[in-house]
């Protein structure tokens, strides 16, 4: 019985203190994400981009292509 309480105490302690060790602010997470994607400076240099994929409409997948060009132009092509 004593071992059960001891094990439960250790598990509770680990759960309560484990989150504090790895806590990050939202700003830190966003900064790391931007750095992992090449940095804000490099993203500012991007003038155009093409994205392709599929989306589901009524459980049917449909392909799409999205072109974006700075400052605020875009084109979305899809077939139904």
N, C-alpha and C. Protein backbone atom coordinates (compact mmCIF):
# COMPACT_ATOMS: atom_id res chain seq x y z
N UNK A 1 0.82 -1.18 0.00
CA UNK A 1 0.00 0.00 0.00
C UNK A 1 0.86 1.25 0.00
N UNK A 2 1.95 1.19 0.77
CA UNK A 2 2.86 2.33 0.85
C UNK A 2 3.50 2.59 -0.51
N UNK A 3 3.87 1.52 -1.21
CA UNK A 3 4.49 1.67 -2.54
C UNK A 3 3.52 2.31 -3.53
N UNK A 4 2.26 1.98 -3.40
CA UNK A 4 1.26 2.54 -4.30
C UNK A 4 1.15 4.06 -4.08
N UNK A 5 1.12 4.49 -2.83
CA UNK A 5 1.06 5.92 -2.53
C UNK A 5 2.32 6.64 -2.97
N UNK A 6 3.46 5.99 -2.80
CA UNK A 6 4.73 6.58 -3.22
C UNK A 6 4.76 6.74 -4.74
N UNK A 7 4.34 5.72 -5.46
CA UNK A 7 4.31 5.80 -6.92
C UNK A 7 3.33 6.87 -7.39
N UNK A 8 2.17 6.93 -6.76
CA UNK A 8 1.18 7.94 -7.11
C UNK A 8 1.71 9.34 -6.82
N UNK A 9 2.44 9.50 -5.75
CA UNK A 9 3.04 10.80 -5.41
C UNK A 9 4.05 11.22 -6.46
N UNK A 10 4.89 10.29 -6.91
CA UNK A 10 5.89 10.61 -7.93
C UNK A 10 5.23 10.97 -9.26
N UNK A 11 4.22 10.24 -9.63
CA UNK A 11 3.52 10.53 -10.88
C UNK A 11 2.86 11.90 -10.82
N UNK A 12 2.22 12.20 -9.70
CA UNK A 12 1.58 13.51 -9.54
C UNK A 12 2.60 14.63 -9.59
N UNK A 13 3.72 14.45 -8.92
CA UNK A 13 4.78 15.45 -8.92
C UNK A 13 5.32 15.66 -10.34
N UNK A 14 5.52 14.57 -11.06
CA UNK A 14 6.05 14.68 -12.43
C UNK A 14 5.07 15.40 -13.35
N UNK A 15 3.79 15.12 -13.20
CA UNK A 15 2.80 15.78 -14.04
C UNK A 15 2.65 17.26 -13.72
N UNK A 16 2.75 17.61 -12.46
CA UNK A 16 2.57 19.01 -12.07
C UNK A 16 3.78 19.87 -12.39
N UNK A 17 4.97 19.32 -12.34
CA UNK A 17 6.17 20.13 -12.59
C UNK A 17 6.71 19.97 -14.01
N UNK A 18 6.30 18.95 -14.72
CA UNK A 18 6.83 18.71 -16.06
C UNK A 18 6.45 19.79 -17.05
N UNK A 19 5.26 20.32 -16.96
CA UNK A 19 4.83 21.35 -17.89
C UNK A 19 5.58 22.65 -17.71
N UNK A 20 5.96 22.97 -16.50
CA UNK A 20 6.66 24.23 -16.24
C UNK A 20 8.05 24.23 -16.84
N UNK A 21 8.66 23.07 -16.96
CA UNK A 21 10.01 22.99 -17.50
C UNK A 21 10.01 23.33 -18.99
N UNK A 22 8.97 22.91 -19.72
CA UNK A 22 8.92 23.09 -21.16
C UNK A 22 7.99 24.23 -21.59
N UNK A 23 7.57 25.06 -20.65
CA UNK A 23 6.64 26.14 -20.98
C UNK A 23 7.31 27.17 -21.87
N UNK A 24 6.58 27.60 -22.89
CA UNK A 24 7.05 28.63 -23.81
C UNK A 24 5.93 29.63 -24.00
N UNK A 25 6.31 30.84 -24.28
CA UNK A 25 5.29 31.84 -24.59
C UNK A 25 4.91 31.71 -26.06
N UNK A 26 3.79 32.28 -26.41
CA UNK A 26 3.34 32.24 -27.81
C UNK A 26 4.35 32.95 -28.71
N UNK A 27 4.93 34.03 -28.21
CA UNK A 27 5.92 34.77 -29.01
C UNK A 27 7.15 33.92 -29.30
N UNK A 28 7.61 33.13 -28.33
CA UNK A 28 8.77 32.26 -28.55
C UNK A 28 8.45 31.18 -29.58
N UNK A 29 7.26 30.64 -29.52
CA UNK A 29 6.87 29.60 -30.48
C UNK A 29 6.81 30.17 -31.89
N UNK A 30 6.22 31.35 -32.04
CA UNK A 30 6.12 31.98 -33.36
C UNK A 30 7.50 32.34 -33.90
N UNK A 31 8.37 32.85 -33.04
CA UNK A 31 9.73 33.21 -33.45
C UNK A 31 10.48 31.99 -33.94
N UNK A 32 10.37 30.87 -33.23
CA UNK A 32 11.04 29.63 -33.65
C UNK A 32 10.45 29.12 -34.97
N UNK A 33 9.15 29.24 -35.14
CA UNK A 33 8.51 28.79 -36.37
C UNK A 33 9.00 29.60 -37.57
N UNK A 34 9.06 30.91 -37.43
CA UNK A 34 9.53 31.77 -38.52
C UNK A 34 10.98 31.46 -38.84
N UNK A 35 11.81 31.26 -37.82
CA UNK A 35 13.23 30.94 -38.04
C UNK A 35 13.37 29.59 -38.74
N UNK A 36 12.54 28.62 -38.39
CA UNK A 36 12.61 27.30 -39.01
C UNK A 36 12.20 27.34 -40.48
N UNK A 37 11.41 28.33 -40.86
CA UNK A 37 10.95 28.46 -42.25
C UNK A 37 11.82 29.38 -43.07
N UNK A 38 12.97 29.79 -42.56
CA UNK A 38 13.91 30.59 -43.35
C UNK A 38 14.09 32.01 -42.86
N UNK A 39 13.32 32.44 -41.91
CA UNK A 39 13.48 33.78 -41.36
C UNK A 39 12.55 34.79 -42.02
N UNK A 40 12.21 35.81 -41.27
CA UNK A 40 11.28 36.84 -41.76
C UNK A 40 11.87 37.61 -42.93
N UNK A 41 13.18 37.82 -42.94
CA UNK A 41 13.82 38.57 -44.02
C UNK A 41 13.65 37.85 -45.36
N UNK A 42 13.85 36.54 -45.35
CA UNK A 42 13.71 35.76 -46.59
C UNK A 42 12.26 35.70 -47.05
N UNK A 43 11.31 35.59 -46.13
CA UNK A 43 9.91 35.58 -46.52
C UNK A 43 9.49 36.92 -47.08
N UNK A 44 10.09 38.01 -46.62
CA UNK A 44 9.76 39.33 -47.15
C UNK A 44 10.23 39.48 -48.60
N UNK A 45 11.23 38.72 -49.00
CA UNK A 45 11.76 38.77 -50.37
C UNK A 45 10.90 38.01 -51.37
N UNK A 46 10.07 37.10 -50.89
CA UNK A 46 9.23 36.29 -51.78
C UNK A 46 8.19 37.20 -52.44
N UNK A 47 8.16 37.19 -53.78
CA UNK A 47 7.22 38.03 -54.51
C UNK A 47 6.03 37.25 -55.06
N UNK A 48 6.23 35.96 -55.35
CA UNK A 48 5.11 35.16 -55.85
C UNK A 48 5.26 33.73 -55.36
N UNK A 49 4.14 33.03 -55.33
CA UNK A 49 4.15 31.65 -54.86
C UNK A 49 2.99 30.90 -55.49
N UNK A 50 3.21 29.60 -55.73
CA UNK A 50 2.18 28.73 -56.29
C UNK A 50 1.95 27.58 -55.33
N UNK A 51 0.70 27.35 -54.98
CA UNK A 51 0.35 26.26 -54.07
C UNK A 51 -0.66 25.35 -54.77
N UNK A 52 -0.45 24.06 -54.66
CA UNK A 52 -1.39 23.10 -55.22
C UNK A 52 -1.82 22.14 -54.13
N UNK A 53 -3.00 21.59 -54.28
CA UNK A 53 -3.49 20.64 -53.28
C UNK A 53 -4.87 20.15 -53.66
N UNK A 54 -5.52 19.53 -52.69
CA UNK A 54 -6.89 19.07 -52.88
C UNK A 54 -7.73 19.49 -51.68
N UNK A 55 -8.98 19.70 -51.94
CA UNK A 55 -9.93 19.96 -50.87
C UNK A 55 -11.13 19.04 -51.07
N UNK A 56 -11.88 18.81 -50.02
CA UNK A 56 -13.03 17.93 -50.09
C UNK A 56 -14.32 18.74 -50.06
N UNK A 57 -15.20 18.41 -50.98
CA UNK A 57 -16.52 19.02 -51.01
C UNK A 57 -17.53 17.90 -51.16
N UNK A 58 -18.41 17.75 -50.21
CA UNK A 58 -19.37 16.66 -50.19
C UNK A 58 -18.67 15.31 -50.30
N UNK A 59 -17.60 15.16 -49.55
CA UNK A 59 -16.81 13.92 -49.46
C UNK A 59 -16.13 13.55 -50.77
N UNK A 60 -16.00 14.49 -51.68
CA UNK A 60 -15.31 14.25 -52.95
C UNK A 60 -14.09 15.16 -53.03
N UNK A 61 -12.91 14.59 -53.25
CA UNK A 61 -11.71 15.44 -53.35
C UNK A 61 -11.65 16.17 -54.69
N UNK A 62 -11.24 17.43 -54.64
CA UNK A 62 -11.11 18.25 -55.83
C UNK A 62 -9.73 18.91 -55.83
N UNK A 63 -9.01 18.88 -56.96
CA UNK A 63 -7.70 19.54 -57.00
C UNK A 63 -7.86 21.05 -57.13
N UNK A 64 -6.87 21.78 -56.63
CA UNK A 64 -6.87 23.23 -56.79
C UNK A 64 -5.45 23.73 -56.98
N UNK A 65 -5.33 24.92 -57.55
CA UNK A 65 -4.06 25.62 -57.68
C UNK A 65 -4.30 27.06 -57.25
N UNK A 66 -3.43 27.57 -56.40
CA UNK A 66 -3.54 28.94 -55.92
C UNK A 66 -2.23 29.65 -56.23
N UNK A 67 -2.33 30.76 -56.96
CA UNK A 67 -1.17 31.60 -57.23
C UNK A 67 -1.34 32.88 -56.42
N UNK A 68 -0.27 33.31 -55.77
CA UNK A 68 -0.29 34.57 -55.03
C UNK A 68 0.88 35.42 -55.49
N UNK A 69 0.64 36.70 -55.65
CA UNK A 69 1.68 37.63 -56.06
C UNK A 69 1.52 38.90 -55.24
N UNK A 70 2.65 39.39 -54.72
CA UNK A 70 2.60 40.61 -53.91
C UNK A 70 2.27 41.80 -54.77
N UNK A 71 1.59 42.77 -54.27
CA UNK A 71 1.21 42.95 -52.88
C UNK A 71 -0.09 42.24 -52.52
N UNK A 72 -1.08 42.21 -53.40
CA UNK A 72 -2.35 41.59 -52.99
C UNK A 72 -3.12 40.99 -54.17
N UNK A 73 -2.41 40.29 -55.03
CA UNK A 73 -3.04 39.61 -56.15
C UNK A 73 -3.06 38.11 -55.89
N UNK A 74 -4.13 37.45 -56.30
CA UNK A 74 -4.18 36.00 -56.20
C UNK A 74 -5.13 35.45 -57.24
N UNK A 75 -4.94 34.16 -57.56
CA UNK A 75 -5.80 33.45 -58.49
C UNK A 75 -6.01 32.05 -57.94
N UNK A 76 -7.24 31.61 -57.92
CA UNK A 76 -7.60 30.30 -57.38
C UNK A 76 -8.32 29.53 -58.48
N UNK A 77 -7.71 28.44 -58.95
CA UNK A 77 -8.31 27.58 -59.97
C UNK A 77 -8.70 26.25 -59.36
N UNK A 78 -9.90 25.80 -59.68
CA UNK A 78 -10.33 24.48 -59.23
C UNK A 78 -11.37 23.94 -60.20
N UNK A 79 -11.53 22.64 -60.20
CA UNK A 79 -12.50 21.97 -61.06
C UNK A 79 -13.48 21.21 -60.19
N UNK A 80 -14.74 21.37 -60.49
CA UNK A 80 -15.77 20.63 -59.75
C UNK A 80 -16.30 19.51 -60.59
